[in-house]
């Protein structure tokens, strides 16, 4: 079933309207026509079986048949991934895999050893959100992963409750078995080269749990993906 996205305001009693981008994909890429069945999700967790009613130049009208269950259900465990911003396409990969692994929210994190300036990260927000949308379509989720505005490390640990924060470090941390989260977690992932000593000290002073996983040396993008999978397996529904 081909999947399309439409925000909730484009849904009516028995119809849904696709915007210009989704219409272009429906018409020019997939070459669908009136009467064919597709699936439309609202980005908030709901999905519907639909039939194409009319395809226009800048929008398409579809008839709603019934609400269906998304192919990929949402995890009951809420993961916020606060991952240090990486250069080039490395962060694109982190975003794509975070969606696939069921992350609820991603926070682009600015740290001492981050090699991307905050103003440059802000310019990439539209691209990152497009990547998240495409990954949502492909992975079968009906809820779009939220991507927050970039945040400084010090700001994040000051705003989030310490009990919900877990900082993953390549050194000087406890075992994952010491973490007993509630229904959610904010996982902090460091940059290439690891955390700076003052950052680890600030986290501990705030009461943030610092965790080290074994002794393997991972690239920053690998660490973000691997740790998300481990957390989802340990506390969520990846089992």
Protein backbone atom coordinates (compact mmCIF):
# COMPACT_ATOMS: atom_id res chain seq x y z
CA UNK A 1 0.00 0.00 0.00
CA UNK A 2 1.44 3.37 -1.03
CA UNK A 3 1.63 5.76 1.92
CA UNK A 4 1.10 9.51 1.95
CA UNK A 5 1.13 12.18 4.63
CA UNK A 6 -1.46 14.86 5.32
CA UNK A 7 -1.64 16.96 8.51
CA UNK A 8 -4.82 16.73 10.57
CA UNK A 9 -6.23 20.01 9.25
CA UNK A 10 -6.43 18.49 5.76
CA UNK A 11 -8.82 15.78 6.94
CA UNK A 12 -12.59 16.34 6.67
CA UNK A 13 -15.58 14.08 7.42
CA UNK A 14 -14.92 11.60 4.61
CA UNK A 15 -12.17 13.23 2.55
CA UNK A 16 -8.51 14.18 2.82
CA UNK A 17 -6.53 16.58 0.65
CA UNK A 18 -2.88 16.05 -0.25
CA UNK A 19 -0.60 19.06 -0.72
CA UNK A 20 1.50 19.88 -3.78
CA UNK A 21 4.52 17.78 -2.79
CA UNK A 22 2.49 14.67 -2.00
CA UNK A 23 0.41 15.19 -5.15
CA UNK A 24 3.56 15.41 -7.25
CA UNK A 25 4.81 12.14 -5.76
CA UNK A 26 1.44 10.46 -6.32
CA UNK A 27 1.06 11.68 -9.90
CA UNK A 28 4.57 11.97 -11.34
CA UNK A 29 6.61 9.41 -9.40
CA UNK A 30 4.16 6.62 -8.63
CA UNK A 31 1.89 7.46 -11.61
CA UNK A 32 -1.28 6.59 -9.74
CA UNK A 33 -4.72 7.38 -11.09
CA UNK A 34 -8.30 7.98 -9.92
CA UNK A 35 -9.88 5.06 -8.11
CA UNK A 36 -6.66 3.48 -6.85
CA UNK A 37 -6.34 2.77 -3.13
CA UNK A 38 -3.63 4.33 -0.98
CA UNK A 39 -2.93 4.87 2.71
CA UNK A 40 -2.75 8.30 4.33
CA UNK A 41 -1.40 9.05 7.83
CA UNK A 42 -1.74 12.26 9.81
CA UNK A 43 1.66 12.35 11.53
CA UNK A 44 -0.03 12.10 14.94
CA UNK A 45 -0.46 8.31 14.95
CA UNK A 46 -3.59 7.72 12.86
CA UNK A 47 -3.72 6.09 9.41
CA UNK A 48 -6.55 5.63 6.91
CA UNK A 49 -7.33 3.54 3.83
CA UNK A 50 -8.35 5.88 1.02
CA UNK A 51 -9.30 5.98 -2.64
CA UNK A 52 -8.03 8.64 -5.04
CA UNK A 53 -10.96 10.85 -6.06
CA UNK A 54 -9.29 13.61 -8.09
CA UNK A 55 -5.69 14.49 -8.94
CA UNK A 56 -4.97 18.15 -9.60
CA UNK A 57 -1.85 20.19 -10.34
CA UNK A 58 -1.26 21.37 -6.78
CA UNK A 59 -3.50 19.12 -4.67
CA UNK A 60 -5.35 15.82 -4.70
CA UNK A 61 -8.66 14.81 -3.16
CA UNK A 62 -9.07 11.36 -1.63
CA UNK A 63 -12.08 9.55 -0.18
CA UNK A 64 -11.66 8.09 3.30
CA UNK A 65 -12.82 4.49 3.71
CA UNK A 66 -11.71 3.42 7.17
CA UNK A 67 -9.09 3.93 9.83
CA UNK A 68 -6.42 1.23 9.87
CA UNK A 69 -3.63 0.19 12.19
CA UNK A 70 -0.18 1.50 11.18
CA UNK A 71 2.24 -1.20 10.02
CA UNK A 72 4.70 -0.10 12.70
CA UNK A 73 3.09 0.65 16.09
CA UNK A 74 4.48 3.28 18.42
CA UNK A 75 6.65 2.13 21.28
CA UNK A 76 5.10 2.47 24.77
CA UNK A 77 8.50 3.76 25.92
CA UNK A 78 9.18 7.39 24.99
CA UNK A 79 12.73 7.98 23.79
CA UNK A 80 14.15 11.46 23.29
CA UNK A 81 17.51 11.26 21.57
CA UNK A 82 19.72 14.27 22.27
CA UNK A 83 22.52 13.58 19.80
CA UNK A 84 25.42 15.92 19.15
CA UNK A 85 25.18 17.51 15.69
CA UNK A 86 27.48 15.88 13.13
CA UNK A 87 28.79 17.24 9.85
CA UNK A 88 27.67 16.25 6.37
CA UNK A 89 25.33 13.31 5.83
CA UNK A 90 26.25 11.58 9.10
CA UNK A 91 23.44 13.32 10.95
CA UNK A 92 21.01 12.49 8.14
CA UNK A 93 21.71 8.83 8.88
CA UNK A 94 21.12 9.33 12.61
CA UNK A 95 17.74 10.95 11.89
CA UNK A 96 16.65 8.23 9.47
CA UNK A 97 17.57 5.38 11.81
CA UNK A 98 16.07 7.14 14.83
CA UNK A 99 12.72 7.17 13.06
CA UNK A 100 13.04 3.49 12.17
CA UNK A 101 13.90 2.62 15.79
CA UNK A 102 10.87 4.43 17.19
CA UNK A 103 12.41 7.56 18.70
CA UNK A 104 9.73 10.06 19.75
CA UNK A 105 11.81 13.25 19.73
CA UNK A 106 15.27 14.16 18.47
CA UNK A 107 17.20 17.11 19.89
CA UNK A 108 20.19 18.33 17.84
CA UNK A 109 22.76 18.95 20.55
CA UNK A 110 25.53 21.54 20.63
CA UNK A 111 28.51 20.38 22.71
CA UNK A 112 32.07 21.58 23.34
CA UNK A 113 33.58 19.29 20.70
CA UNK A 114 30.75 19.64 18.20
CA UNK A 115 32.18 20.53 14.78
CA UNK A 116 28.99 22.19 13.46
CA UNK A 117 28.09 25.77 14.34
CA UNK A 118 24.65 26.38 15.80
CA UNK A 119 23.63 28.78 13.02
CA UNK A 120 24.54 26.17 10.40
CA UNK A 121 22.50 23.55 12.23
CA UNK A 122 19.44 25.81 12.20
CA UNK A 123 19.74 26.08 8.41
CA UNK A 124 19.55 22.28 8.14
CA UNK A 125 16.29 21.91 10.08
CA UNK A 126 14.04 21.80 7.00
CA UNK A 127 16.20 19.10 5.43
CA UNK A 128 16.23 17.04 8.63
CA UNK A 129 12.44 17.22 8.92
CA UNK A 130 12.02 16.10 5.30
CA UNK A 131 14.29 13.14 6.02
CA UNK A 132 12.20 12.27 9.08
CA UNK A 133 8.99 12.41 7.02
CA UNK A 134 10.38 10.14 4.30
CA UNK A 135 11.67 7.70 6.90
CA UNK A 136 8.22 7.67 8.52
CA UNK A 137 6.62 6.71 5.22
CA UNK A 138 9.11 3.93 4.59
CA UNK A 139 9.14 2.51 8.11
CA UNK A 140 5.38 2.20 8.50
CA UNK A 141 5.03 4.61 11.41
CA UNK A 142 2.05 6.96 11.46
CA UNK A 143 3.56 9.39 13.97
CA UNK A 144 6.31 11.71 12.76
CA UNK A 145 9.35 11.98 15.01
CA UNK A 146 9.57 15.51 16.34
CA UNK A 147 12.85 17.32 15.70
CA UNK A 148 13.36 20.15 18.18
CA UNK A 149 15.35 23.29 17.58
CA UNK A 150 19.07 22.82 18.32
CA UNK A 151 19.93 23.08 22.01
CA UNK A 152 23.13 23.74 23.93
CA UNK A 153 24.22 20.94 26.27
CA UNK A 154 24.04 23.18 29.35
CA UNK A 155 20.53 24.32 28.45
CA UNK A 156 19.23 20.79 27.96
CA UNK A 157 20.49 19.36 31.24
CA UNK A 158 19.07 22.38 33.05
CA UNK A 159 15.61 22.05 31.50
CA UNK A 160 15.03 18.26 31.68
CA UNK A 161 14.45 16.44 34.97
CA UNK A 162 17.67 14.64 35.99
CA UNK A 163 15.77 11.38 36.54
CA UNK A 164 14.81 11.36 32.85
CA UNK A 165 18.36 12.03 31.62
CA UNK A 166 21.00 9.41 30.83
CA UNK A 167 24.35 10.51 29.43
CA UNK A 168 26.17 7.81 27.47
CA UNK A 169 29.93 8.19 27.66
CA UNK A 170 32.87 6.18 26.35
CA UNK A 171 34.46 6.45 29.81
CA UNK A 172 33.90 6.97 33.52
CA UNK A 173 30.32 5.69 33.62
CA UNK A 174 28.23 3.04 35.36
CA UNK A 175 26.63 -0.08 33.88
CA UNK A 176 23.29 0.18 32.04
CA UNK A 177 21.77 -2.16 34.64
CA UNK A 178 21.85 0.74 37.12
CA UNK A 179 19.29 2.68 35.04
CA UNK A 180 15.67 2.27 36.14
CA UNK A 181 13.66 4.70 33.98
CA UNK A 182 9.96 5.45 34.12
CA UNK A 183 7.98 5.66 30.90
CA UNK A 184 10.51 7.86 29.12
CA UNK A 185 14.19 8.65 28.79
CA UNK A 186 16.34 11.37 27.27
CA UNK A 187 19.56 9.80 26.00
CA UNK A 188 22.50 12.16 25.52
CA UNK A 189 25.02 11.12 22.84
CA UNK A 190 28.39 12.83 22.59
CA UNK A 191 30.39 14.10 19.60
CA UNK A 192 33.36 12.74 17.72
CA UNK A 193 36.15 12.67 20.28
CA UNK A 194 33.80 12.19 23.21
CA UNK A 195 32.57 14.42 26.00
CA UNK A 196 34.69 17.19 27.46
CA UNK A 197 35.58 16.77 31.16
CA UNK A 198 33.60 19.87 32.30
CA UNK A 199 30.51 18.47 30.54
CA UNK A 200 30.75 15.19 32.46
CA UNK A 201 31.27 17.12 35.68
CA UNK A 202 28.28 19.38 34.97
CA UNK A 203 26.08 16.36 34.23
CA UNK A 204 27.05 14.63 37.47
CA UNK A 205 26.57 17.83 39.45
CA UNK A 206 23.04 18.04 38.04
CA UNK A 207 22.37 14.42 39.09
CA UNK A 208 22.43 12.97 35.57
CA UNK A 209 23.24 9.28 35.29
CA UNK A 210 26.44 8.60 33.27
CA UNK A 211 26.56 5.21 31.53
CA UNK A 212 29.36 3.43 29.69
CA UNK A 213 28.69 0.45 27.42
CA UNK A 214 31.66 -1.91 27.24
CA UNK A 215 34.98 -0.93 25.74
CA UNK A 216 34.32 -0.69 22.01
CA UNK A 217 35.21 2.54 20.24
CA UNK A 218 32.30 3.65 18.04
CA UNK A 219 31.93 6.48 15.58
CA UNK A 220 29.52 9.13 16.83
CA UNK A 221 26.79 8.21 14.32
CA UNK A 222 27.20 4.51 15.10
CA UNK A 223 26.95 5.20 18.82
CA UNK A 224 23.71 7.16 18.39
CA UNK A 225 22.09 4.35 16.41
CA UNK A 226 23.44 1.49 18.53
CA UNK A 227 22.51 3.10 21.85
CA UNK A 228 18.99 3.86 20.61
CA UNK A 229 18.55 0.21 19.62
CA UNK A 230 19.89 -0.98 22.98
CA UNK A 231 17.60 1.37 24.93
CA UNK A 232 14.57 0.37 22.85
CA UNK A 233 15.39 -3.31 23.39
CA UNK A 234 16.00 -2.91 27.12
CA UNK A 235 13.07 -0.67 28.01
CA UNK A 236 10.82 -0.47 24.94
CA UNK A 237 9.25 -2.88 22.44
CA UNK A 238 12.25 -4.02 20.39
CA UNK A 239 12.43 -7.55 21.70
